[in-house]
Amino acid sequence: MNPNLTQQTCTYKDLLLRKLSYAVTSSVCSQLVILQIYVFLWNFNVFHPKNWLLSTIHILTSFSTWIFILPFLIIVFAQSVICAKDYVVKSSYCSTRFQKFVATFSVHNLILLALHILVGGTIIWLFLSVSGGQYQKLTKICHGQAYCLNNGSLFLILSGLWTGCYFFIKVYIAERNLTFPVIYQRKFLQFKSQLEPLIRHAVVTSFLPSLYFCCLFYVYGETLQNGFRDLFGLLEQEDGTSVLIFLHLWFFSALYYFNMNLMRFYFNLFLTEPVQFPLVKDNAGSLTLQESITNSDWPIVQNLACLDLHLLAQWSPMRRQVFFSISNPGGHPYNWNTLVVSVLNLFKEYTELLNKTIDLPEKNAKPIIQAPIIQSPDRFRNLRNMTLIERDEDICDYVHVTKTSPVEFSLPQGLISYLTIKISNLWNILKVVTGINFLFGELPQANIRKCLANGNLIIWASQGITELLCASLEEDNYGIVQKDLPVILSSLVNLKQSLDKLNKVPALTRKMVGYDDFNYRMKGAVTSSIKRSLFNVCKKFENYLNDIPLSKEVSQYLQIHIMCKS
């Protein structure tokens, strides 16, 4: 745990704005550092180091350079701010292909797509403009005083637009998630450890989009060049294009990938930094750990709260004592009670979502057909029918009354069931033929991924609450925790039983998805965490397990599935 980590007393808005401001500022400043390194290496002159240094300083401090830099930084800043929403706002999971299609072409995504394309073009325009060389400008003087189109500059700028579009569609939409480190390190150590992998990943992954652009430009490049020349009244370039331009293309594509991945790294670095939440609510109305655990409206805050509970239970004896103390006035364990309610509500919601996900395929089962009930008269021949009326005058009166009632026509129950089945079969055929089921049918992986996406919450919350239970045996002087031990164990057992049912889901088997699938890995992580939490509690309270008032089913499950495998 970070020893310099201090307790934060603020609102959710203050917490998120502070973290996002650090990420956005770091992303913008990194662009200036990368530009300085590029200019420094571009003007490399080992024989005249003084001129090399002076020319680099002159380029970076000139007014014309900052005229190019400022628009680029504004675009990068806008892109970072809009991207920040995807990391803090609750994401919506699309269960059908139609919902995915609508979500993909939302206004938010269209704005981000335009910004990604714009950044891809402006970053190449900026680097070419400040470094000089034959690709510095889009036009150049030729045929005396006439202007010709610089095909190399147009080729590189168009490649930047293509790379931005390709990155957004291929990478950004599919990987808008945060990854919490297993062991938290200082920011500089994280940056140092990730810098080389980011560069290597950018060089490798940028090769394919560069190759695709070369193929597209070979087919449509002449048309684009002719259209651009006709639009601005330019002449055709006399000399050909150098082969080195393809190395420029690959370099700028790798540079774009590095910048985008670096921006995402900053969001992951600052947003996943652990925060110590207050355990007692103050008069200023600051957020508390207990309230933040169930705050599903802000997923990043909920994750940080569960992570803080896990770290608190392991490494903070003084903070643990806050839960093992009795509040005054009143003499009630208010802090512990609010924590238990929050954690149990989290377990309950996750268990209900699991059961709903597991029971979903049962909706496709064939409906049970209820045949009409026909009683044989011979079977009940000797039984007296108490509904019969013996007197003739009563029968006449009864018939007289029914004459005024309207005659209702009803189909036999068997015919109704037959027509229902036929209509249902016809509708299923129409859905398959017309593609309705393909567009609006539920995807088998959608609900499972929605359920397992919050697996980190359950891992940290289960380990945190059970670590507190284990520590209470020596640190809880008032016996506050022991009263809630049965309900916590029962909730964890119910959750473990629901997780065991996921092994029967075909979409989560190793043969279907492999080790690298997110759903498969998260299922294994959550299941192992719950099992480990139950085992730790049972091992710690082994001598007192029979004295805990548990139901027969829970006790048997703990004895068979937890203690017997120790």
Protein backbone atom coordinates (compact mmCIF):
# COMPACT_ATOMS: atom_id res chain seq x y z
CA MET A 1 0.00 0.00 0.00
CA ASN A 2 1.20 3.51 -0.73
CA PRO A 3 2.52 5.00 2.53
CA ASN A 4 1.97 8.54 1.27
CA LEU A 5 -1.71 7.92 0.63
CA THR A 6 -3.82 10.35 2.67
CA GLN A 7 -7.45 10.30 3.49
CA GLN A 8 -9.58 12.19 1.00
CA THR A 9 -12.49 14.26 2.27
CA CYS A 10 -14.49 15.48 -0.66
CA THR A 11 -17.51 14.79 -2.81
CA TYR A 12 -17.73 12.41 -5.74
CA LYS A 13 -17.48 15.32 -8.17
CA ASP A 14 -14.33 16.67 -6.51
CA LEU A 15 -12.69 13.27 -6.48
CA LEU A 16 -13.37 12.52 -10.14
CA LEU A 17 -12.52 16.02 -11.37
CA ARG A 18 -9.19 15.94 -9.58
CA LYS A 19 -8.24 12.57 -11.03
CA LEU A 20 -9.42 13.46 -14.54
CA SER A 21 -7.64 16.81 -14.50
CA TYR A 22 -4.36 15.05 -13.73
CA ALA A 23 -4.90 12.62 -16.61
CA VAL A 24 -5.85 15.30 -19.15
CA THR A 25 -3.01 17.63 -18.14
CA SER A 26 -0.46 14.83 -18.35
CA SER A 27 -1.75 13.84 -21.79
CA VAL A 28 -1.45 17.37 -23.16
CA CYS A 29 1.99 17.98 -21.64
CA SER A 30 3.25 14.68 -23.04
CA GLN A 31 2.54 15.93 -26.56
CA LEU A 32 4.90 18.86 -25.99
CA VAL A 33 7.62 16.57 -24.64
CA ILE A 34 7.27 14.19 -27.61
CA LEU A 35 7.47 17.12 -30.04
CA GLN A 36 10.63 18.41 -28.34
CA ILE A 37 12.26 14.98 -28.54
CA TYR A 38 11.30 14.70 -32.22
CA VAL A 39 12.77 18.12 -33.12
CA PHE A 40 15.89 17.38 -31.08
CA LEU A 41 16.53 14.10 -32.93
CA TRP A 42 15.57 15.52 -36.32
CA ASN A 43 18.24 18.22 -36.09
CA PHE A 44 20.88 15.74 -35.00
CA ASN A 45 24.40 16.95 -35.88
CA VAL A 46 27.19 15.23 -34.03
CA PHE A 47 29.89 17.36 -35.67
CA HIS A 48 28.33 20.65 -34.57
CA PRO A 49 26.67 20.01 -31.21
CA LYS A 50 26.37 23.70 -30.40
CA ASN A 51 24.50 24.47 -33.62
CA TRP A 52 22.42 21.35 -33.05
CA LEU A 53 21.28 22.56 -29.64
CA LEU A 54 20.76 26.18 -30.72
CA SER A 55 18.68 25.21 -33.75
CA THR A 56 16.50 22.97 -31.61
CA ILE A 57 15.88 25.75 -29.09
CA HIS A 58 15.18 28.26 -31.88
CA ILE A 59 12.54 26.00 -33.46
CA LEU A 60 10.77 25.26 -30.19
CA THR A 61 10.68 28.88 -29.05
CA SER A 62 9.76 30.55 -32.32
CA PHE A 63 6.37 32.21 -32.69
CA SER A 64 5.56 30.35 -35.90
CA THR A 65 6.04 27.00 -34.17
CA TRP A 66 3.53 27.85 -31.44
CA ILE A 67 1.03 28.90 -34.07
CA PHE A 68 1.11 25.26 -35.20
CA ILE A 69 1.26 23.83 -31.68
CA LEU A 70 -1.69 25.62 -30.07
CA PRO A 71 -4.43 24.30 -32.42
CA PHE A 72 -3.07 20.79 -31.99
CA LEU A 73 -3.03 21.06 -28.19
CA ILE A 74 -6.60 22.38 -28.18
CA ILE A 75 -7.77 19.41 -30.24
CA VAL A 76 -5.91 16.95 -27.97
CA PHE A 77 -7.39 18.63 -24.90
CA ALA A 78 -10.93 18.34 -26.30
CA GLN A 79 -10.34 14.71 -27.21
CA SER A 80 -9.06 13.91 -23.71
CA VAL A 81 -11.98 15.63 -22.00
CA ILE A 82 -14.60 13.81 -24.08
CA CYS A 83 -12.80 10.47 -23.72
CA ALA A 84 -12.82 10.92 -19.96
CA LYS A 85 -16.58 10.35 -19.89
CA ASP A 86 -16.14 6.76 -21.05
CA TYR A 87 -14.03 5.92 -18.01
CA VAL A 88 -16.19 7.37 -15.22
CA VAL A 89 -19.80 7.11 -16.37
CA LYS A 90 -21.75 3.87 -15.97
CA SER A 91 -21.54 1.95 -19.23
CA SER A 92 -24.61 0.43 -20.85
CA TYR A 93 -24.39 -3.16 -22.05
CA CYS A 94 -26.12 -3.89 -25.32
CA SER A 95 -27.87 -7.25 -25.36
CA THR A 96 -28.86 -7.20 -29.06
CA ARG A 97 -27.08 -6.38 -32.30
CA PHE A 98 -29.51 -3.54 -32.95
CA GLN A 99 -28.65 -1.93 -29.60
CA LYS A 100 -24.95 -2.28 -30.42
CA PHE A 101 -25.52 -0.63 -33.78
CA VAL A 102 -27.38 2.30 -32.20
CA ALA A 103 -24.76 2.68 -29.45
CA THR A 104 -21.91 2.61 -31.95
CA PHE A 105 -23.39 5.47 -33.99
CA SER A 106 -24.32 7.63 -31.02
CA VAL A 107 -23.58 11.36 -31.03
CA HIS A 108 -20.83 10.84 -28.45
CA ASN A 109 -19.04 8.26 -30.58
CA LEU A 110 -19.41 10.31 -33.75
CA ILE A 111 -17.80 13.30 -32.04
CA LEU A 112 -14.96 11.11 -30.78
CA LEU A 113 -14.51 9.62 -34.24
CA ALA A 114 -14.19 13.09 -35.75
CA LEU A 115 -11.66 14.10 -33.07
CA HIS A 116 -9.59 10.95 -33.58
CA ILE A 117 -9.46 11.58 -37.32
CA LEU A 118 -8.63 15.24 -36.77
CA VAL A 119 -5.82 14.43 -34.32
CA GLY A 120 -4.39 11.89 -36.76
CA GLY A 121 -4.13 14.51 -39.49
CA THR A 122 -2.99 17.44 -37.35
CA ILE A 123 -0.23 15.52 -35.58
CA ILE A 124 1.46 14.76 -38.92
CA TRP A 125 0.83 18.31 -40.16
CA LEU A 126 2.43 19.68 -36.97
CA PHE A 127 5.52 17.47 -37.05
CA LEU A 128 6.12 18.08 -40.74
CA SER A 129 5.69 21.84 -40.32
CA VAL A 130 8.12 22.32 -37.44
CA SER A 131 10.80 19.91 -38.64
CA GLY A 132 11.19 21.23 -42.20
CA GLY A 133 12.25 19.10 -45.12
CA GLN A 134 10.68 18.26 -48.44
CA TYR A 135 7.29 17.42 -46.88
CA GLN A 136 6.98 20.61 -44.85
CA LYS A 137 4.20 22.15 -46.99
CA LEU A 138 1.34 20.86 -49.10
CA THR A 139 2.41 23.02 -52.04
CA LYS A 140 5.69 24.03 -53.57
CA ILE A 141 6.80 26.31 -56.39
CA CYS A 142 7.27 24.64 -59.75
CA HIS A 143 7.21 25.68 -63.45
CA GLY A 144 8.57 29.09 -62.57
CA GLN A 145 6.02 30.92 -60.41
CA ALA A 146 3.27 28.28 -60.40
CA TYR A 147 2.36 26.07 -57.47
CA CYS A 148 2.32 22.27 -57.56
CA LEU A 149 0.78 19.82 -55.15
CA ASN A 150 3.29 18.14 -52.85
CA ASN A 151 2.13 14.55 -53.24
CA GLY A 152 4.28 13.34 -50.33
CA SER A 153 2.72 15.76 -47.85
CA LEU A 154 -0.79 14.90 -49.02
CA PHE A 155 0.04 11.19 -48.75
CA LEU A 156 1.25 11.50 -45.15
CA ILE A 157 -1.59 13.76 -43.95
CA LEU A 158 -4.20 11.46 -45.47
CA SER A 159 -2.48 8.53 -43.76
CA GLY A 160 -2.92 10.32 -40.44
CA LEU A 161 -6.65 10.73 -41.07
CA TRP A 162 -6.92 7.04 -41.95
CA THR A 163 -4.92 5.96 -38.86
CA GLY A 164 -7.19 7.98 -36.57
CA CYS A 165 -10.30 6.39 -38.06
CA TYR A 166 -8.80 2.90 -37.94
CA PHE A 167 -7.66 3.27 -34.31
CA PHE A 168 -11.05 4.46 -33.11
CA ILE A 169 -13.02 1.69 -34.83
CA LYS A 170 -10.58 -1.14 -34.19
CA VAL A 171 -9.15 -0.34 -30.78
CA TYR A 172 -10.93 2.41 -28.85
CA ILE A 173 -14.52 1.12 -29.08
CA ALA A 174 -13.52 -2.39 -28.11
CA GLU A 175 -11.23 -1.53 -25.15
CA ARG A 176 -12.81 1.24 -23.12
CA ASN A 177 -12.11 -0.29 -19.73
CA LEU A 178 -9.78 0.29 -16.80
CA THR A 179 -7.33 -2.27 -15.47
CA PHE A 180 -6.44 -2.15 -11.79
CA PRO A 181 -2.86 -3.22 -11.04
CA VAL A 182 -2.38 -6.27 -8.87
CA ILE A 183 0.24 -4.45 -6.78
CA TYR A 184 0.06 -0.68 -6.66
CA GLN A 185 3.33 1.17 -7.32
CA ARG A 186 4.30 4.82 -7.45
CA LYS A 187 3.31 6.63 -10.62
CA PHE A 188 6.86 7.08 -11.84
CA LEU A 189 7.58 3.35 -11.48
CA GLN A 190 4.41 2.50 -13.36
CA PHE A 191 5.28 4.92 -16.14
CA LYS A 192 8.82 3.59 -16.33
CA SER A 193 7.66 -0.02 -16.53
CA GLN A 194 5.03 0.70 -19.19
CA LEU A 195 7.00 3.04 -21.45
CA GLU A 196 8.91 0.38 -23.36
CA PRO A 197 5.87 -1.92 -23.85
CA LEU A 198 3.85 1.05 -25.13
CA ILE A 199 6.51 1.91 -27.72
CA ARG A 200 6.92 -1.70 -28.81
CA HIS A 201 3.16 -2.24 -29.02
CA ALA A 202 2.73 0.95 -31.08
CA VAL A 203 5.41 -0.09 -33.59
CA VAL A 204 3.93 -3.56 -34.05
CA THR A 205 0.23 -2.69 -34.18
CA SER A 206 0.68 0.29 -36.50
CA PHE A 207 2.12 -1.84 -39.30
CA LEU A 208 -1.20 -3.27 -40.51
CA PRO A 209 -3.09 0.06 -40.77
CA SER A 210 -0.08 1.49 -42.64
CA LEU A 211 -0.18 -1.42 -45.06
CA TYR A 212 -3.93 -1.06 -45.53
CA PHE A 213 -3.52 2.63 -46.32
CA CYS A 214 -0.86 1.93 -48.93
CA CYS A 215 -3.23 -0.48 -50.66
CA LEU A 216 -6.11 2.01 -50.54
CA PHE A 217 -3.95 4.86 -51.77
CA TYR A 218 -2.68 2.72 -54.63
CA VAL A 219 -6.29 2.24 -55.78
CA TYR A 220 -7.80 5.66 -55.01
CA GLY A 221 -4.73 7.87 -54.58
CA GLU A 222 -4.66 9.31 -58.07
CA THR A 223 -8.33 10.24 -57.84
CA LEU A 224 -7.74 12.04 -54.54
CA GLN A 225 -4.72 13.90 -55.88
CA ASN A 226 -6.54 15.03 -59.02
CA GLY A 227 -9.53 16.20 -56.99
CA PHE A 228 -7.31 18.14 -54.59
CA ARG A 229 -5.41 19.80 -57.45
CA ASP A 230 -8.59 20.75 -59.26
CA LEU A 231 -10.12 22.16 -56.08
CA PHE A 232 -7.23 24.55 -55.38
CA GLY A 233 -5.96 25.05 -58.94
CA LEU A 234 -2.61 23.36 -58.45
CA LEU A 235 -0.33 21.78 -61.02
CA GLU A 236 0.93 18.23 -61.05
CA GLN A 237 4.22 17.52 -59.34
CA GLU A 238 7.15 16.92 -61.66
CA ASP A 239 9.33 14.58 -59.57
CA GLY A 240 8.26 11.23 -58.16
CA THR A 241 7.77 10.08 -54.58
CA SER A 242 10.71 8.75 -52.57
CA VAL A 243 10.66 5.26 -51.12
CA LEU A 244 11.53 6.73 -47.70
CA ILE A 245 8.04 8.14 -47.50
CA PHE A 246 6.78 4.69 -46.49
CA LEU A 247 9.09 4.76 -43.48
CA HIS A 248 7.65 8.17 -42.63
CA LEU A 249 4.17 6.64 -42.90
CA TRP A 250 5.00 3.82 -40.51
CA PHE A 251 6.74 6.19 -38.08
CA PHE A 252 3.81 8.61 -37.89
CA SER A 253 1.31 5.76 -37.54
CA ALA A 254 3.35 4.32 -34.67
CA LEU A 255 3.58 7.80 -33.15
CA TYR A 256 -0.21 8.17 -33.27
CA TYR A 257 -0.74 4.78 -31.66
CA PHE A 258 1.77 5.65 -28.95
CA ASN A 259 0.08 8.97 -28.20
CA MET A 260 -3.39 7.41 -27.96
CA ASN A 261 -2.22 4.51 -25.82
CA LEU A 262 -0.29 6.92 -23.63
CA MET A 263 -3.45 8.96 -23.08
CA ARG A 264 -5.33 5.83 -22.08
CA PHE A 265 -2.45 4.89 -19.78
CA TYR A 266 -2.76 8.21 -17.97
CA PHE A 267 -6.47 7.66 -17.40
CA ASN A 268 -5.75 4.19 -16.05
CA LEU A 269 -2.87 5.50 -13.92
CA PHE A 270 -4.75 8.27 -12.13
CA LEU A 271 -8.26 6.79 -11.98
CA THR A 272 -7.12 3.50 -10.44
CA GLU A 273 -4.95 5.14 -7.80
CA PRO A 274 -6.22 3.95 -4.37
CA VAL A 275 -8.12 6.42 -2.24
CA GLN A 276 -8.74 6.28 1.50
CA PHE A 277 -12.39 7.08 2.06
CA PRO A 278 -13.57 8.51 5.40
CA LEU A 279 -15.18 5.92 7.65
CA VAL A 280 -17.24 8.41 9.65
CA LYS A 281 -19.48 11.00 8.01
CA ASP A 282 -18.59 14.57 8.93
CA ASN A 283 -20.64 17.74 8.91
CA ALA A 284 -19.28 18.74 5.49
CA GLY A 285 -21.18 15.87 3.87
CA SER A 286 -18.11 14.12 2.48
CA LEU A 287 -18.45 10.72 0.91
CA THR A 288 -17.83 7.70 3.13
CA LEU A 289 -16.57 4.22 2.42
CA GLN A 290 -19.87 2.58 3.34
CA GLU A 291 -21.91 4.77 1.00
CA SER A 292 -19.43 4.51 -1.85
CA ILE A 293 -19.52 0.70 -1.89
CA THR A 294 -23.11 0.71 -3.18
CA ASN A 295 -22.79 3.76 -5.44
CA SER A 296 -23.37 2.04 -8.78
CA ASP A 297 -23.99 5.35 -10.57
CA TRP A 298 -20.24 6.02 -10.52
CA PRO A 299 -18.53 2.67 -11.17
CA ILE A 300 -14.99 3.99 -10.68
CA VAL A 301 -15.90 5.33 -7.21
CA GLN A 302 -17.53 2.01 -6.33
CA ASN A 303 -14.41 0.13 -7.43
CA LEU A 304 -12.14 2.43 -5.44
CA ALA A 305 -14.32 2.00 -2.34
CA CYS A 306 -14.20 -1.81 -2.53
CA LEU A 307 -10.45 -1.64 -3.12
CA ASP A 308 -10.08 0.60 -0.07
CA LEU A 309 -12.03 -1.91 2.02
CA HIS A 310 -9.71 -4.68 0.87
CA LEU A 311 -6.57 -2.67 1.67
CA LEU A 312 -8.01 -1.46 4.97
CA ALA A 313 -8.72 -4.99 6.15
CA GLN A 314 -5.19 -6.14 5.35
CA TRP A 315 -2.89 -3.25 6.20
CA SER A 316 -4.65 -0.73 8.47
CA PRO A 317 -5.11 -1.87 12.11
CA MET A 318 -6.01 1.65 13.23
CA ARG A 319 -8.73 2.03 10.61
CA ARG A 320 -10.05 -1.44 11.45
CA GLN A 321 -10.61 -0.28 15.02
CA VAL A 322 -13.15 2.24 13.73
CA PHE A 323 -15.41 -0.68 12.78
CA PHE A 324 -14.72 -2.54 16.03
CA SER A 325 -15.72 0.45 18.17
CA ILE A 326 -19.07 1.55 19.54
CA SER A 327 -20.36 4.95 18.53
CA ASN A 328 -21.36 7.56 21.07
CA PRO A 329 -23.97 8.53 22.03
CA GLY A 330 -26.19 5.49 21.78
CA GLY A 331 -23.69 2.74 22.27
CA HIS A 332 -24.41 1.12 18.89
CA PRO A 333 -21.83 -0.15 16.34
CA TYR A 334 -23.02 2.31 13.71
CA ASN A 335 -19.90 2.15 11.53
CA TRP A 336 -19.92 -1.64 11.37
CA ASN A 337 -23.67 -1.86 10.78
CA THR A 338 -23.55 0.50 7.82
CA LEU A 339 -20.61 -1.41 6.34
CA VAL A 340 -22.34 -4.79 6.68
CA VAL A 341 -25.54 -3.48 5.09
CA SER A 342 -23.60 -2.03 2.15
CA VAL A 343 -21.57 -5.19 1.52
CA LEU A 344 -24.56 -7.52 1.91
CA ASN A 345 -26.57 -5.41 -0.52
CA LEU A 346 -23.70 -5.68 -3.01
CA PHE A 347 -23.62 -9.48 -2.61
CA LYS A 348 -27.40 -9.71 -2.93
CA GLU A 349 -27.56 -7.65 -6.13
CA TYR A 350 -24.73 -9.64 -7.69
CA THR A 351 -26.31 -12.97 -6.73
CA GLU A 352 -29.67 -11.93 -8.18
CA LEU A 353 -27.98 -10.81 -11.40
CA LEU A 354 -26.12 -14.12 -11.58
CA ASN A 355 -29.29 -16.14 -11.12
CA LYS A 356 -31.07 -14.05 -13.71
CA THR A 357 -28.23 -14.60 -16.17
CA ILE A 358 -28.09 -18.34 -15.55
CA ASP A 359 -31.86 -18.81 -15.79
CA LEU A 360 -32.12 -16.82 -19.01
CA PRO A 361 -31.81 -19.79 -21.43
CA GLU A 362 -34.75 -21.46 -19.74
CA LYS A 363 -37.05 -18.94 -21.37
CA ASN A 364 -36.50 -20.65 -24.69
CA ALA A 365 -37.89 -23.93 -23.41
CA LYS A 366 -41.04 -25.27 -25.00
CA PRO A 367 -44.23 -24.16 -23.27
CA ILE A 368 -46.19 -26.73 -21.37
CA ILE A 369 -49.43 -27.52 -23.14
CA GLN A 370 -52.43 -28.01 -20.90
CA ALA A 371 -54.89 -30.37 -22.48
CA PRO A 372 -58.63 -30.02 -21.75
CA ILE A 373 -59.82 -32.01 -18.80
CA ILE A 374 -62.25 -34.73 -19.79
CA GLN A 375 -63.84 -36.88 -17.10
CA SER A 376 -65.15 -40.32 -17.99
CA PRO A 377 -68.77 -40.79 -16.86
CA ASP A 378 -68.21 -44.50 -16.16
CA ARG A 379 -65.42 -43.78 -13.72
CA PHE A 380 -67.62 -41.71 -11.39
CA ARG A 381 -70.88 -43.61 -12.04
CA ASN A 382 -71.54 -44.52 -8.40
CA LEU A 383 -70.72 -41.06 -7.02
CA ARG A 384 -73.49 -38.61 -6.32
CA ASN A 385 -73.30 -35.36 -8.24
CA MET A 386 -74.05 -32.68 -5.66
CA THR A 387 -74.57 -30.07 -8.37
CA LEU A 388 -77.71 -31.74 -9.73
CA ILE A 389 -81.05 -30.30 -8.66
CA GLU A 390 -83.83 -32.82 -8.06
CA ARG A 391 -86.99 -30.69 -8.23
CA ASP A 392 -88.53 -30.03 -11.64
CA GLU A 393 -89.80 -26.62 -10.65
CA ASP A 394 -86.31 -25.60 -9.67
CA ILE A 395 -85.07 -26.75 -13.03
CA CYS A 396 -87.69 -24.70 -14.79
CA ASP A 397 -86.81 -21.68 -12.74
CA TYR A 398 -83.15 -22.19 -13.55
CA VAL A 399 -83.86 -22.45 -17.28
CA HIS A 400 -86.05 -19.39 -17.06
CA VAL A 401 -83.21 -17.38 -15.58
CA THR A 402 -80.67 -18.40 -18.21
CA LYS A 403 -82.95 -17.25 -21.02
CA THR A 404 -82.12 -13.63 -20.23
CA SER A 405 -78.35 -14.25 -20.27
CA PRO A 406 -76.45 -13.65 -23.53
CA VAL A 407 -75.16 -16.70 -25.32
CA GLU A 408 -71.33 -16.68 -25.35
CA PHE A 409 -69.35 -18.51 -28.01
CA SER A 410 -66.04 -20.02 -26.91
CA LEU A 411 -63.56 -22.26 -28.69
CA PRO A 412 -62.44 -25.51 -27.12
CA GLN A 413 -59.31 -25.26 -25.02
CA GLY A 414 -57.46 -27.76 -27.19
CA LEU A 415 -58.11 -25.71 -30.32
CA ILE A 416 -56.84 -22.56 -28.59
CA SER A 417 -53.62 -24.30 -27.59
CA TYR A 418 -53.18 -25.68 -31.10
CA LEU A 419 -53.60 -22.23 -32.68
CA THR A 420 -51.22 -20.67 -30.14
CA ILE A 421 -48.48 -23.14 -31.00
CA LYS A 422 -48.95 -22.66 -34.74
CA ILE A 423 -48.83 -18.87 -34.45
CA SER A 424 -45.73 -19.06 -32.26
CA ASN A 425 -43.99 -21.37 -34.75
CA LEU A 426 -44.94 -19.09 -37.64
CA TRP A 427 -43.54 -16.06 -35.78
CA ASN A 428 -40.27 -17.88 -35.08
CA ILE A 429 -39.95 -18.75 -38.77
CA LEU A 430 -40.61 -15.14 -39.77
CA LYS A 431 -37.96 -13.92 -37.32
CA VAL A 432 -35.37 -16.21 -38.85
CA VAL A 433 -36.31 -15.52 -42.47
CA THR A 434 -36.61 -11.73 -42.19
CA GLY A 435 -33.59 -11.30 -39.89
CA ILE A 436 -35.62 -9.99 -36.95
CA ASN A 437 -34.10 -12.53 -34.58
CA PHE A 438 -30.61 -11.68 -35.85
CA LEU A 439 -31.05 -7.97 -35.09
CA PHE A 440 -33.26 -8.02 -32.00
CA GLY A 441 -32.45 -11.40 -30.46
CA GLU A 442 -30.43 -11.41 -27.25
CA LEU A 443 -26.76 -12.25 -27.63
CA PRO A 444 -25.67 -15.15 -25.40
CA GLN A 445 -22.51 -13.39 -24.18
CA ALA A 446 -24.07 -9.99 -23.42
CA ASN A 447 -25.75 -10.76 -20.09
CA ILE A 448 -22.85 -12.91 -18.92
CA ARG A 449 -20.32 -10.15 -19.63
CA LYS A 450 -22.58 -7.59 -17.94
CA CYS A 451 -22.64 -9.78 -14.85
CA LEU A 452 -18.94 -10.58 -14.77
CA ALA A 453 -17.84 -7.03 -15.58
CA ASN A 454 -18.30 -6.10 -11.90
CA GLY A 455 -16.22 -9.02 -10.71
CA ASN A 456 -13.57 -6.80 -9.11
CA LEU A 457 -16.18 -5.39 -6.75
CA ILE A 458 -17.03 -8.85 -5.45
CA ILE A 459 -13.38 -9.90 -5.20
CA TRP A 460 -12.36 -6.89 -3.10
CA ALA A 461 -15.56 -6.73 -1.04
CA SER A 462 -15.52 -10.45 -0.16
CA GLN A 463 -11.86 -10.45 0.77
CA GLY A 464 -12.21 -7.21 2.70
CA ILE A 465 -15.21 -8.23 4.80
CA THR A 466 -13.76 -11.67 5.56
CA GLU A 467 -10.39 -10.19 6.53
CA LEU A 468 -12.27 -8.00 9.00
CA LEU A 469 -14.06 -11.09 10.33
CA CYS A 470 -10.78 -12.90 10.82
CA ALA A 471 -9.14 -9.89 12.50
CA SER A 472 -12.12 -9.46 14.81
CA LEU A 473 -11.23 -12.62 16.71
CA GLU A 474 -8.29 -10.79 18.32
CA GLU A 475 -9.19 -7.11 17.83
CA ASP A 476 -12.97 -6.94 18.40
CA ASN A 477 -13.19 -6.33 22.15
CA TYR A 478 -16.97 -5.81 22.15
CA GLY A 479 -17.93 -8.80 20.00
CA ILE A 480 -19.54 -6.53 17.44
CA VAL A 481 -18.69 -8.57 14.38
CA GLN A 482 -19.80 -11.98 15.68
CA LYS A 483 -23.48 -11.10 15.54
CA ASP A 484 -23.33 -10.71 11.73
CA LEU A 485 -21.09 -13.71 11.09
CA PRO A 486 -23.99 -16.08 10.17
CA VAL A 487 -25.58 -13.75 7.63
CA ILE A 488 -22.22 -12.96 6.00
CA LEU A 489 -21.35 -16.64 5.66
CA SER A 490 -24.81 -17.43 4.30
CA SER A 491 -24.56 -14.66 1.71
CA LEU A 492 -21.15 -15.86 0.57
CA VAL A 493 -22.37 -19.45 0.30
CA ASN A 494 -25.37 -18.38 -1.78
CA LEU A 495 -23.07 -16.38 -4.02
CA LYS A 496 -20.66 -19.31 -4.36
CA GLN A 497 -23.51 -21.66 -5.31
CA SER A 498 -24.65 -19.25 -8.00
CA LEU A 499 -21.09 -19.01 -9.33
CA ASP A 500 -20.87 -22.81 -9.45
CA LYS A 501 -23.80 -22.82 -11.85
CA LEU A 502 -21.75 -20.78 -14.32
CA ASN A 503 -19.62 -23.87 -14.97
CA LYS A 504 -22.61 -25.35 -16.78
CA VAL A 505 -22.88 -22.41 -19.19
CA PRO A 506 -21.40 -23.55 -22.54
CA ALA A 507 -20.20 -20.04 -23.42
CA LEU A 508 -17.83 -20.05 -20.42
CA THR A 509 -16.09 -23.36 -20.97
CA ARG A 510 -12.38 -23.38 -21.75
CA LYS A 511 -12.91 -25.31 -24.96
CA MET A 512 -15.25 -22.61 -26.26
CA VAL A 513 -13.39 -19.43 -25.34
CA GLY A 514 -9.85 -20.24 -24.21
CA TYR A 515 -7.78 -18.78 -21.40
CA ASP A 516 -7.62 -15.26 -22.82
CA ASP A 517 -11.35 -14.64 -22.80
CA PHE A 518 -12.43 -11.94 -20.34
CA ASN A 519 -15.53 -13.80 -19.17
CA TYR A 520 -13.61 -17.02 -18.53
CA ARG A 521 -10.82 -15.32 -16.61
CA MET A 522 -13.16 -13.17 -14.54
CA LYS A 523 -15.36 -16.14 -13.68
CA GLY A 524 -12.34 -18.02 -12.39
CA ALA A 525 -11.08 -15.01 -10.42
CA VAL A 526 -14.42 -14.33 -8.69
CA THR A 527 -15.01 -18.01 -7.90
CA SER A 528 -11.52 -18.41 -6.42
CA SER A 529 -11.92 -15.25 -4.37
CA ILE A 530 -15.22 -16.34 -2.80
CA LYS A 531 -13.88 -19.79 -2.08
CA ARG A 532 -10.71 -18.38 -0.54
CA SER A 533 -12.74 -15.96 1.59
CA LEU A 534 -14.95 -18.75 2.92
CA PHE A 535 -11.95 -20.94 3.63
CA ASN A 536 -10.17 -18.19 5.59
CA VAL A 537 -13.19 -17.58 7.79
CA CYS A 538 -13.83 -21.28 8.37
CA LYS A 539 -10.16 -21.86 9.19
CA LYS A 540 -10.04 -18.91 11.58
CA PHE A 541 -13.28 -19.88 13.35
CA GLU A 542 -12.68 -23.62 13.08
CA ASN A 543 -13.08 -24.22 16.82
CA TYR A 544 -16.29 -22.18 16.98
CA LEU A 545 -17.91 -23.18 13.70
CA ASN A 546 -20.43 -25.49 15.35
CA ASP A 547 -21.56 -22.69 17.68
CA ILE A 548 -22.43 -20.34 14.81
CA PRO A 549 -26.22 -20.46 14.14
CA LEU A 550 -26.15 -21.48 10.48
CA SER A 551 -28.80 -23.29 8.51
CA LYS A 552 -28.36 -26.97 7.79
CA GLU A 553 -27.75 -26.36 4.08
CA VAL A 554 -25.05 -23.73 4.70
CA SER A 555 -23.29 -25.89 7.28
CA GLN A 556 -23.25 -28.90 4.99
CA TYR A 557 -21.94 -26.83 2.10
CA LEU A 558 -19.10 -25.45 4.21
CA GLN A 559 -18.16 -28.90 5.48
CA ILE A 560 -18.26 -30.57 2.06
CA HIS A 561 -17.03 -27.91 -0.37
CA ILE A 562 -14.78 -25.74 1.79
CA MET A 563 -13.32 -27.55 4.78
CA CYS A 564 -12.97 -30.97 3.16
CA LYS A 565 -10.80 -29.53 0.37
CA SER A 566 -8.40 -27.80 2.74
